[in-house]
Amino acid sequence: MAINQELLDILACPQCKGEIHINDAKDGLICEACRLVYEIRDDIPIMLIEEAKPLNP
């Protein structure tokens, strides 16, 4: 089961409150402004700043 588009539409980066988008592998949400990736585990986005990983260039 994939993440619901309605959920993606209302989610925002917890750090900057900016827009996020799903990555190509569909296993993370990316905030371009903060250069962070929020992992998706078992179809649940982990939107904790301390759990985010740096976005690779």
C-alpha atoms as a PDB file:
ATOM      1  CA  MET A   1       0.000   0.000   0.000  1.00  0.00           C
ATOM      2  CA  ALA A   2       1.369   3.407  -0.967  1.00  0.00           C
ATOM      3  CA  ILE A   3       1.024   6.674   0.881  1.00  0.00           C
ATOM      4  CA  ASN A   4      -2.267   8.397   0.173  1.00  0.00           C
ATOM      5  CA  GLN A   5      -1.948  11.462  -2.081  1.00  0.00           C
ATOM      6  CA  GLU A   6      -4.228  13.456   0.250  1.00  0.00           C
ATOM      7  CA  LEU A   7      -1.761  12.834   3.083  1.00  0.00           C
ATOM      8  CA  LEU A   8       1.157  13.924   0.907  1.00  0.00           C
ATOM      9  CA  ASP A   9      -0.714  17.116   0.016  1.00  0.00           C
ATOM     10  CA  ILE A  10      -1.019  18.212   3.658  1.00  0.00           C
ATOM     11  CA  LEU A  11       2.376  17.101   4.982  1.00  0.00           C
ATOM     12  CA  ALA A  12       5.099  19.711   5.399  1.00  0.00           C
ATOM     13  CA  CYS A  13       8.695  19.603   6.542  1.00  0.00           C
ATOM     14  CA  PRO A  14       8.682  19.741  10.349  1.00  0.00           C
ATOM     15  CA  GLN A  15      11.849  21.861  10.350  1.00  0.00           C
ATOM     16  CA  CYS A  16      11.068  24.650   7.876  1.00  0.00           C
ATOM     17  CA  LYS A  17       7.337  24.006   7.250  1.00  0.00           C
ATOM     18  CA  GLY A  18       8.128  23.924   3.524  1.00  0.00           C
ATOM     19  CA  GLU A  19       6.935  21.610   0.805  1.00  0.00           C
ATOM     20  CA  ILE A  20       8.058  18.006   0.629  1.00  0.00           C
ATOM     21  CA  HIS A  21       7.835  15.438  -2.138  1.00  0.00           C
ATOM     22  CA  ILE A  22       8.257  11.688  -2.368  1.00  0.00           C
ATOM     23  CA  ASN A  23      11.521  10.350  -3.783  1.00  0.00           C
ATOM     24  CA  ASP A  24      11.778   8.129  -6.868  1.00  0.00           C
ATOM     25  CA  ALA A  25      12.157   4.959  -4.789  1.00  0.00           C
ATOM     26  CA  LYS A  26       9.008   5.917  -2.842  1.00  0.00           C
ATOM     27  CA  ASP A  27      10.745   5.188   0.447  1.00  0.00           C
ATOM     28  CA  GLY A  28      11.317   8.749   1.655  1.00  0.00           C
ATOM     29  CA  LEU A  29       9.995  12.293   1.637  1.00  0.00           C
ATOM     30  CA  ILE A  30      12.412  15.016   0.552  1.00  0.00           C
ATOM     31  CA  CYS A  31      12.625  18.619   1.700  1.00  0.00           C
ATOM     32  CA  GLU A  32      14.805  20.421  -0.846  1.00  0.00           C
ATOM     33  CA  ALA A  33      15.079  23.562   1.326  1.00  0.00           C
ATOM     34  CA  CYS A  34      16.522  21.701   4.340  1.00  0.00           C
ATOM     35  CA  ARG A  35      18.254  19.031   2.205  1.00  0.00           C
ATOM     36  CA  LEU A  36      16.690  16.298   4.385  1.00  0.00           C
ATOM     37  CA  VAL A  37      15.019  12.950   3.669  1.00  0.00           C
ATOM     38  CA  TYR A  38      12.301  11.664   5.991  1.00  0.00           C
ATOM     39  CA  GLU A  39      12.115   7.871   5.766  1.00  0.00           C
ATOM     40  CA  ILE A  40       8.871   6.011   5.082  1.00  0.00           C
ATOM     41  CA  ARG A  41       8.571   2.785   7.119  1.00  0.00           C
ATOM     42  CA  ASP A  42       5.642   0.410   6.643  1.00  0.00           C
ATOM     43  CA  ASP A  43       3.812   3.121   4.657  1.00  0.00           C
ATOM     44  CA  ILE A  44       4.185   5.592   7.561  1.00  0.00           C
ATOM     45  CA  PRO A  45       6.290   8.740   7.061  1.00  0.00           C
ATOM     46  CA  ILE A  46       8.663   9.306   9.990  1.00  0.00           C
ATOM     47  CA  MET A  47       8.433  13.088  10.269  1.00  0.00           C
ATOM     48  CA  LEU A  48      10.876  13.588  13.141  1.00  0.00           C
ATOM     49  CA  ILE A  49      13.732  16.021  12.563  1.00  0.00           C
ATOM     50  CA  GLU A  50      16.153  13.898  14.598  1.00  0.00           C
ATOM     51  CA  GLU A  51      15.314  10.834  12.444  1.00  0.00           C
ATOM     52  CA  ALA A  52      15.836  12.666   9.119  1.00  0.00           C
ATOM     53  CA  LYS A  53      18.867  11.915   6.994  1.00  0.00           C
ATOM     54  CA  PRO A  54      20.878  14.401   4.909  1.00  0.00           C
ATOM     55  CA  LEU A  55      19.958  14.467   1.239  1.00  0.00           C
ATOM     56  CA  ASN A  56      22.840  13.197  -0.878  1.00  0.00           C
ATOM     57  CA  PRO A  57      23.917  15.554  -3.675  1.00  0.00           C
END
